[in-house]
Amino acid sequence: MNYDTRLDAQALTKGHDADQALDEAPPFPARKAMLAVGVAVVAVAGIWFVTHRDSASSSAAPVNSAPLVTVAVPGQTQIAGTVNVNGALAAKHDMPIGVVGDGGTVVSVLVNPGDWVRKGQVLAIIDRQVQTQQQANSAANVGVAQADARIAQANLDRGLKLVANGFISNADIDKLTAVRDAANARVKVAQAQLGEVQARLRRLTIVAPADGLLLDRALEPGQVVSPGSGVLFRIAEHGEMEMRARLSETDLQQLKLGQEVKVSPVGSAKQFTGKIWQISPVIDPATRQGVARIALAYSPDIRPGGFASAEIRSGTISAPLLPESALQSDNAGNYVFVINGSNKAERRRVKIALVTEKGVAIASGLNGSEKVVLRAGAFLNEGETVDPRLAAKP
């Protein structure tokens, strides 16, 4: 009884509170209007944020359509005119020796590569049995002709004595004189034939044409040789060597005859001093290069057919120095892009003075005060507006 009374009292209290809350809350249409107003406020705030965000971004980071390029002001640099080149080693005067006579079987070879030989020294001997018999035959013919000439001269002498006494006529003297002259002529013919055989015989002995170092031997005893056998020996005259350096047209213009050059053969720690003794008068149209021949004294470390590097000094010049990336080229030659005061690209023709490890020295076309595009020049056009940025000094 008491439990039910307490429950009823609680229920009555809750019902009273609920009724009071319903009485205090706004009616339903009013709540709907308030929700619509809230949605409108949120939408306006979003539109304002998007609009002002784009405006702020545009004012903070303006768009620049001009391409960014790196430039440098090269100025004037003192550049040592040093040209580093490579080339082949060879004999300064390579003398090939072969058979110039009838040829035959090689009897003996008297020298080997690396030997020093003297002018006229016998290098090899070719069998000469047939030529020896021909020489003996020609010598005998000379003897016969000389005997006939003596008889003809004696007959003429007797005739001259008889004509004075009237025993023979002057016509007979003329005949005797003609016989004597013909006999003398036959003597000369026989002597010439003997000289020819002797010359052919001498050619069977291969001799050195000059003093020098024997470089190569392509001959062995028992070998059959002829004038078509090619080169049998090669001699470096006086043992003098050279380096044949191939250089570009620009580098060749920096060289002078007699100029000293430091040469380092590959595989050797030694360095040799040579002198330029010949500069090629022509340029290879395929490679656009010429040859400078550098004379070297004999040394066992300098072997013909080897390879060497050389350092050629050509004085000191003052010129703008640019990296190779700054230079462009076309059919008309080399050029660079410079940026004028209006930040526009201008094409400037240049000539190269030297190519060094540090860069390319410009002979003409720049005075060093221009803003030169260092990279991306190939992507620029004449008159194009750019955004130049000065490169940091190394």
Protein backbone atom coordinates (compact mmCIF):
# COMPACT_ATOMS: atom_id res chain seq x y z
CA MET A 1 0.00 0.00 0.00
CA ASN A 2 2.78 2.35 0.82
CA TYR A 3 4.80 1.19 -2.31
CA ASP A 4 1.95 2.06 -4.68
CA THR A 5 1.42 5.43 -3.09
CA ARG A 6 5.14 6.31 -3.52
CA LEU A 7 5.15 5.21 -7.22
CA ASP A 8 2.10 7.28 -7.97
CA ALA A 9 3.70 10.32 -6.46
CA GLN A 10 6.82 9.94 -8.63
CA ALA A 11 4.75 9.48 -11.77
CA LEU A 12 2.81 12.55 -11.01
CA THR A 13 6.00 14.55 -10.50
CA LYS A 14 7.49 13.45 -13.86
CA GLY A 15 4.30 14.17 -15.70
CA HIS A 16 4.24 17.64 -14.30
CA ASP A 17 7.83 18.34 -15.40
CA ALA A 18 7.13 17.12 -18.96
CA ASP A 19 4.08 19.27 -19.25
CA GLN A 20 6.03 22.25 -18.06
CA ALA A 21 8.80 21.64 -20.69
CA LEU A 22 6.24 21.40 -23.49
CA ASP A 23 4.66 24.55 -22.34
CA GLU A 24 8.02 26.43 -22.35
CA ALA A 25 9.36 25.11 -25.81
CA PRO A 26 8.64 27.25 -28.98
CA PRO A 27 6.03 26.00 -31.34
CA PHE A 28 7.14 23.76 -34.35
CA PRO A 29 6.98 26.40 -37.13
CA ALA A 30 9.33 28.63 -35.18
CA ARG A 31 11.90 25.87 -34.80
CA LYS A 32 11.86 25.22 -38.58
CA ALA A 33 12.53 28.88 -39.33
CA MET A 34 15.46 28.96 -36.95
CA LEU A 35 17.04 25.89 -38.69
CA ALA A 36 16.76 27.53 -42.13
CA VAL A 37 18.45 30.67 -40.86
CA GLY A 38 21.36 28.61 -39.49
CA VAL A 39 21.88 26.81 -42.81
CA ALA A 40 21.92 30.14 -44.69
CA VAL A 41 24.54 31.56 -42.34
CA VAL A 42 26.84 28.54 -42.85
CA ALA A 43 26.50 28.79 -46.67
CA VAL A 44 27.38 32.49 -46.71
CA ALA A 45 30.42 31.86 -44.51
CA GLY A 46 31.65 29.12 -46.89
CA ILE A 47 31.28 31.34 -49.95
CA TRP A 48 33.15 34.17 -48.23
CA PHE A 49 36.04 31.81 -47.26
CA VAL A 50 36.47 30.40 -50.77
CA THR A 51 36.35 33.84 -52.39
CA HIS A 52 38.83 35.45 -50.02
CA ARG A 53 41.16 32.44 -50.10
CA ASP A 54 41.59 32.62 -53.92
CA SER A 55 42.07 36.38 -53.71
CA ALA A 56 44.71 36.02 -51.00
CA SER A 57 46.55 33.34 -52.98
CA SER A 58 46.59 35.52 -56.10
CA SER A 59 47.98 38.50 -54.24
CA ALA A 60 50.60 36.44 -52.37
CA ALA A 61 52.02 34.50 -55.35
CA PRO A 62 51.65 36.35 -58.66
CA VAL A 63 52.11 34.15 -61.76
CA ASN A 64 55.21 34.90 -63.92
CA SER A 65 55.10 33.36 -67.40
CA ALA A 66 58.73 34.29 -68.34
CA PRO A 67 61.13 31.28 -68.24
CA LEU A 68 63.79 31.30 -65.56
CA VAL A 69 67.38 31.15 -66.91
CA THR A 70 70.75 31.12 -65.19
CA VAL A 71 73.18 33.80 -66.38
CA ALA A 72 76.71 34.89 -65.55
CA VAL A 73 78.93 37.88 -66.27
CA PRO A 74 82.21 36.20 -67.35
CA GLY A 75 84.54 39.21 -67.19
CA GLN A 76 88.14 38.78 -68.35
CA THR A 77 90.28 35.84 -67.23
CA GLN A 78 94.02 35.28 -67.65
CA ILE A 79 94.23 31.91 -69.36
CA ALA A 80 97.37 29.90 -69.93
CA GLY A 81 97.32 28.66 -73.51
CA THR A 82 97.71 24.94 -72.82
CA VAL A 83 96.49 22.34 -75.28
CA ASN A 84 96.38 18.70 -74.21
CA VAL A 85 96.44 16.28 -77.13
CA ASN A 86 96.98 12.61 -77.90
CA GLY A 87 98.71 11.00 -80.83
CA ALA A 88 100.68 8.10 -82.21
CA LEU A 89 104.45 7.63 -82.01
CA ALA A 90 106.38 6.93 -85.19
CA ALA A 91 109.79 7.29 -86.79
CA LYS A 92 110.41 10.85 -87.95
CA HIS A 93 111.67 9.50 -91.27
CA ASP A 94 110.54 5.90 -91.71
CA MET A 95 112.62 4.37 -94.52
CA PRO A 96 111.12 1.22 -96.10
CA ILE A 97 113.58 -1.09 -97.88
CA GLY A 98 112.74 -3.80 -100.41
CA VAL A 99 114.15 -5.63 -103.43
CA VAL A 100 114.85 -3.43 -106.45
CA GLY A 101 116.57 -6.03 -108.63
CA ASP A 102 115.66 -9.35 -110.17
CA GLY A 103 115.12 -11.04 -106.83
CA GLY A 104 115.84 -14.63 -105.95
CA THR A 105 116.50 -16.83 -102.95
CA VAL A 106 117.73 -15.13 -99.78
CA VAL A 107 121.14 -16.51 -98.82
CA SER A 108 121.66 -14.68 -95.52
CA VAL A 109 120.18 -11.94 -93.31
CA LEU A 110 122.76 -10.05 -91.28
CA VAL A 111 120.72 -7.74 -88.99
CA ASN A 112 117.85 -7.87 -86.50
CA PRO A 113 115.28 -5.31 -85.30
CA GLY A 114 116.79 -2.95 -82.75
CA ASP A 115 120.25 -2.97 -84.37
CA TRP A 116 121.93 0.29 -85.31
CA VAL A 117 123.12 0.23 -88.92
CA ARG A 118 125.37 2.46 -91.03
CA LYS A 119 124.82 3.79 -94.51
CA GLY A 120 125.86 1.13 -97.06
CA GLN A 121 125.92 -1.67 -94.49
CA VAL A 122 124.82 -5.05 -95.91
CA LEU A 123 121.47 -6.14 -94.50
CA ALA A 124 120.80 -9.27 -96.59
CA ILE A 125 122.27 -11.15 -99.56
CA ILE A 126 120.28 -12.80 -102.36
CA ASP A 127 121.60 -15.72 -104.43
CA ARG A 128 123.53 -14.40 -107.44
CA GLN A 129 124.84 -17.44 -109.33
CA VAL A 130 123.05 -16.60 -112.59
CA GLN A 131 124.04 -12.93 -112.43
CA THR A 132 127.65 -13.86 -111.77
CA GLN A 133 127.81 -15.89 -115.01
CA GLN A 134 126.19 -13.02 -116.89
CA GLN A 135 128.85 -10.70 -115.54
CA ALA A 136 131.63 -13.03 -116.76
CA ASN A 137 130.03 -13.22 -120.21
CA SER A 138 129.77 -9.45 -120.48
CA ALA A 139 133.36 -9.01 -119.36
CA ALA A 140 134.50 -11.42 -122.11
CA ASN A 141 132.52 -9.48 -124.71
CA VAL A 142 134.29 -6.33 -123.64
CA GLY A 143 137.64 -8.05 -124.20
CA VAL A 144 136.63 -9.20 -127.71
CA ALA A 145 135.44 -5.72 -128.65
CA GLN A 146 138.64 -4.14 -127.38
CA ALA A 147 140.73 -6.61 -129.44
CA ASP A 148 138.75 -5.78 -132.56
CA ALA A 149 139.25 -2.10 -131.88
CA ARG A 150 143.00 -2.55 -131.57
CA ILE A 151 143.17 -4.41 -134.93
CA ALA A 152 141.09 -1.71 -136.60
CA GLN A 153 143.36 1.00 -135.23
CA ALA A 154 146.49 -0.87 -136.46
CA ASN A 155 145.06 -1.26 -139.97
CA LEU A 156 144.28 2.43 -140.06
CA ASP A 157 147.81 3.32 -138.97
CA ARG A 158 149.35 1.19 -141.78
CA GLY A 159 146.99 2.65 -144.30
CA LEU A 160 148.00 6.19 -143.39
CA LYS A 161 151.64 5.26 -144.13
CA LEU A 162 150.76 3.65 -147.49
CA VAL A 163 148.61 6.50 -148.70
CA ALA A 164 151.54 8.86 -148.43
CA ASN A 165 153.47 6.69 -150.91
CA GLY A 166 150.48 6.39 -153.21
CA PHE A 167 149.87 2.65 -152.70
CA ILE A 168 146.25 3.16 -151.50
CA SER A 169 143.69 5.86 -152.09
CA ASN A 170 142.07 8.24 -149.67
CA ALA A 171 138.85 6.26 -150.08
CA ASP A 172 140.57 3.25 -148.56
CA ILE A 173 141.65 5.41 -145.62
CA ASP A 174 138.06 6.48 -145.08
CA LYS A 175 136.95 2.84 -144.95
CA LEU A 176 139.67 1.94 -142.45
CA THR A 177 138.69 4.90 -140.30
CA ALA A 178 135.05 3.81 -140.31
CA VAL A 179 136.03 0.28 -139.30
CA ARG A 180 138.14 1.65 -136.45
CA ASP A 181 135.27 3.86 -135.20
CA ALA A 182 132.78 0.99 -135.34
CA ALA A 183 135.15 -1.20 -133.33
CA ASN A 184 135.50 1.49 -130.68
CA ALA A 185 131.72 1.84 -130.53
CA ARG A 186 131.34 -1.91 -130.00
CA VAL A 187 133.77 -1.63 -127.09
CA LYS A 188 131.51 0.98 -125.47
CA VAL A 189 128.44 -1.18 -126.04
CA ALA A 190 130.11 -4.17 -124.41
CA GLN A 191 131.26 -2.04 -121.50
CA ALA A 192 127.72 -0.70 -121.00
CA GLN A 193 126.33 -4.23 -120.99
CA LEU A 194 128.93 -5.23 -118.41
CA GLY A 195 127.99 -2.22 -116.26
CA GLU A 196 124.31 -3.18 -116.44
CA VAL A 197 125.03 -6.73 -115.28
CA GLN A 198 127.22 -5.43 -112.46
CA ALA A 199 124.48 -3.03 -111.33
CA ARG A 200 121.93 -5.85 -111.30
CA LEU A 201 124.38 -7.93 -109.34
CA ARG A 202 124.85 -5.19 -106.76
CA ARG A 203 121.08 -4.97 -106.28
CA LEU A 204 121.11 -8.54 -105.00
CA THR A 205 122.87 -7.16 -101.93
CA ILE A 206 120.36 -5.23 -99.79
CA VAL A 207 122.12 -2.38 -97.99
CA ALA A 208 121.08 0.37 -95.58
CA PRO A 209 120.35 3.67 -97.36
CA ALA A 210 121.26 5.75 -94.28
CA ASP A 211 122.44 5.54 -90.69
CA GLY A 212 119.65 4.64 -88.33
CA LEU A 213 117.79 2.20 -86.12
CA LEU A 214 116.41 -0.97 -87.70
CA LEU A 215 112.72 -1.10 -86.76
CA ASP A 216 111.43 -4.12 -88.62
CA ARG A 217 112.60 -7.18 -90.55
CA ALA A 218 110.33 -9.27 -92.76
CA LEU A 219 112.97 -11.53 -94.33
CA GLU A 220 114.40 -14.94 -93.53
CA PRO A 221 117.10 -17.09 -95.19
CA GLY A 222 115.69 -19.35 -97.89
CA GLN A 223 112.83 -16.99 -98.64
CA VAL A 224 112.25 -16.21 -102.33
CA VAL A 225 111.82 -12.49 -102.91
CA SER A 226 111.11 -10.23 -105.86
CA PRO A 227 110.34 -6.55 -106.45
CA GLY A 228 106.72 -7.34 -105.59
CA SER A 229 107.58 -8.75 -102.16
CA GLY A 230 106.95 -5.40 -100.47
CA VAL A 231 108.86 -3.91 -97.56
CA LEU A 232 111.57 -6.19 -96.14
CA PHE A 233 113.25 -3.79 -93.70
CA ARG A 234 112.27 -0.50 -92.05
CA ILE A 235 114.82 1.97 -90.69
CA ALA A 236 114.32 5.09 -88.58
CA GLU A 237 116.80 7.54 -90.04
CA HIS A 238 119.32 8.54 -87.33
CA GLY A 239 116.97 6.91 -84.80
CA GLU A 240 114.83 10.07 -84.65
CA MET A 241 111.23 9.64 -83.49
CA GLU A 242 108.16 11.84 -83.51
CA MET A 243 104.65 12.16 -82.13
CA ARG A 244 101.86 12.83 -84.61
CA ALA A 245 99.31 14.85 -82.66
CA ARG A 246 95.87 15.44 -84.14
CA LEU A 247 94.39 18.84 -83.27
CA SER A 248 91.37 20.92 -84.19
CA GLU A 249 91.58 23.87 -86.54
CA THR A 250 91.43 26.28 -83.58
CA ASP A 251 94.26 24.58 -81.71
CA LEU A 252 96.46 24.37 -84.79
CA GLN A 253 96.35 28.16 -85.11
CA GLN A 254 98.01 28.47 -81.69
CA LEU A 255 101.11 26.45 -82.66
CA LYS A 256 104.44 27.58 -84.06
CA LEU A 257 107.36 25.73 -85.59
CA GLY A 258 110.12 25.07 -83.06
CA GLN A 259 107.75 25.30 -80.11
CA GLU A 260 108.66 22.98 -77.20
CA VAL A 261 106.22 20.23 -76.21
CA LYS A 262 106.13 17.85 -73.24
CA VAL A 263 105.40 14.28 -74.39
CA SER A 264 104.47 11.36 -72.13
CA PRO A 265 104.37 7.90 -73.76
CA VAL A 266 101.65 5.57 -72.53
CA GLY A 267 103.04 3.00 -70.11
CA SER A 268 106.09 5.10 -69.22
CA ALA A 269 106.58 7.37 -66.23
CA LYS A 270 109.10 9.47 -68.15
CA GLN A 271 108.37 12.75 -69.88
CA PHE A 272 110.27 13.86 -72.98
CA THR A 273 110.77 17.30 -74.49
CA GLY A 274 110.22 17.61 -78.21
CA LYS A 275 109.82 20.38 -80.75
CA ILE A 276 107.18 20.96 -83.37
CA TRP A 277 108.94 20.55 -86.71
CA GLN A 278 105.93 20.37 -89.03
CA ILE A 279 102.33 21.64 -88.93
CA SER A 280 99.87 20.11 -91.35
CA PRO A 281 99.05 22.50 -94.22
CA VAL A 282 95.67 20.79 -94.79
CA ILE A 283 92.67 19.86 -92.64
CA ASP A 284 90.92 16.50 -92.87
CA PRO A 285 87.41 17.40 -94.13
CA ALA A 286 85.90 14.39 -92.32
CA THR A 287 87.30 15.06 -88.83
CA ARG A 288 88.09 18.80 -89.15
CA GLN A 289 91.51 18.08 -87.68
CA GLY A 290 95.12 18.54 -88.72
CA VAL A 291 98.42 16.96 -87.64
CA ALA A 292 101.28 18.56 -85.73
CA ARG A 293 104.50 16.49 -85.93
CA ILE A 294 106.66 16.72 -82.80
CA ALA A 295 110.30 15.62 -83.19
CA LEU A 296 111.78 13.52 -80.37
CA ALA A 297 115.29 12.21 -79.76
CA TYR A 298 115.77 8.46 -79.60
CA SER A 299 114.88 6.69 -76.37
CA PRO A 300 114.04 3.03 -75.69
CA ASP A 301 110.77 4.24 -74.11
CA ILE A 302 109.65 5.79 -77.39
CA ARG A 303 108.43 2.96 -79.59
CA PRO A 304 106.93 3.57 -83.02
CA GLY A 305 103.34 2.44 -83.17
CA GLY A 306 102.76 3.36 -79.52
CA PHE A 307 100.56 6.09 -78.09
CA ALA A 308 101.42 9.24 -76.17
CA SER A 309 99.89 12.38 -74.68
CA ALA A 310 101.34 15.85 -75.02
CA GLU A 311 101.00 19.22 -73.34
CA ILE A 312 101.49 22.18 -75.65
CA ARG A 313 101.80 25.68 -74.17
CA SER A 314 100.85 28.57 -76.41
CA GLY A 315 101.29 31.61 -74.15
CA THR A 316 98.77 33.49 -71.99
CA ILE A 317 95.68 35.35 -73.15
CA SER A 318 93.02 37.50 -71.46
CA ALA A 319 89.51 36.52 -72.55
CA PRO A 320 85.99 35.74 -71.26
CA LEU A 321 85.77 32.17 -70.00
CA LEU A 322 82.50 30.26 -70.35
CA PRO A 323 81.42 26.68 -69.64
CA GLU A 324 80.83 24.52 -72.70
CA SER A 325 77.10 24.40 -71.85
CA ALA A 326 76.81 28.11 -72.74
CA LEU A 327 77.89 27.60 -76.35
CA GLN A 328 75.54 26.66 -79.16
CA SER A 329 76.37 26.06 -82.81
CA ASP A 330 74.69 26.04 -86.19
CA ASN A 331 75.76 26.09 -89.83
CA ALA A 332 77.13 29.63 -89.43
CA GLY A 333 79.35 28.77 -86.44
CA ASN A 334 79.28 29.20 -82.66
CA TYR A 335 77.02 31.57 -80.71
CA VAL A 336 75.73 32.33 -77.19
CA PHE A 337 72.60 33.99 -75.82
CA VAL A 338 73.02 37.24 -73.87
CA ILE A 339 70.28 39.00 -71.89
CA ASN A 340 69.86 42.71 -72.60
CA GLY A 341 68.51 45.43 -70.29
CA SER A 342 64.93 44.54 -71.18
CA ASN A 343 65.47 40.91 -70.13
CA LYS A 344 65.23 39.75 -73.72
CA ALA A 345 67.47 37.06 -75.22
CA GLU A 346 69.85 38.11 -77.98
CA ARG A 347 71.94 35.75 -80.10
CA ARG A 348 75.63 36.72 -80.18
CA ARG A 349 78.14 35.20 -82.60
CA VAL A 350 81.47 34.26 -80.98
CA LYS A 351 84.84 32.78 -81.94
CA ILE A 352 86.67 30.33 -79.73
CA ALA A 353 90.26 31.05 -78.71
CA LEU A 354 91.06 28.03 -76.52
CA VAL A 355 89.35 25.04 -74.99
CA THR A 356 90.70 24.37 -71.49
CA GLU A 357 89.78 22.16 -68.56
CA LYS A 358 88.12 25.17 -66.88
CA GLY A 359 86.04 26.20 -69.87
CA VAL A 360 86.07 27.78 -73.30
CA ALA A 361 87.95 31.04 -73.88
CA ILE A 362 86.19 33.43 -76.26
CA ALA A 363 88.38 35.23 -78.78
CA SER A 364 85.77 37.65 -80.13
CA GLY A 365 82.07 38.44 -79.81
CA LEU A 366 82.05 39.17 -76.05
CA ASN A 367 83.83 41.74 -73.89
CA GLY A 368 83.00 40.03 -70.59
CA SER A 369 80.40 42.49 -69.28
CA GLU A 370 77.35 40.78 -70.82
CA LYS A 371 74.88 38.55 -69.03
CA VAL A 372 75.44 35.23 -70.78
CA VAL A 373 72.96 32.37 -70.52
CA LEU A 374 74.85 29.42 -69.03
CA ARG A 375 72.33 26.67 -69.70
CA ALA A 376 69.14 26.01 -71.65
CA GLY A 377 70.28 28.23 -74.52
CA ALA A 378 69.05 25.63 -76.98
CA PHE A 379 65.46 26.21 -75.77
CA LEU A 380 65.51 30.00 -76.16
CA ASN A 381 64.38 32.06 -79.10
CA GLU A 382 65.72 35.37 -80.34
CA GLY A 383 63.88 38.22 -78.57
CA GLU A 384 62.22 35.99 -75.96
CA THR A 385 61.60 37.61 -72.56
CA VAL A 386 63.18 35.68 -69.68
CA ASP A 387 63.62 35.89 -65.94
CA PRO A 388 67.45 35.99 -65.48
CA ARG A 389 69.01 34.72 -62.28
CA LEU A 390 72.70 35.37 -61.66
CA ALA A 391 74.64 32.15 -61.04
CA ALA A 392 76.49 31.81 -57.76
CA LYS A 393 80.26 32.18 -58.06
CA PRO A 394 82.15 28.92 -57.47
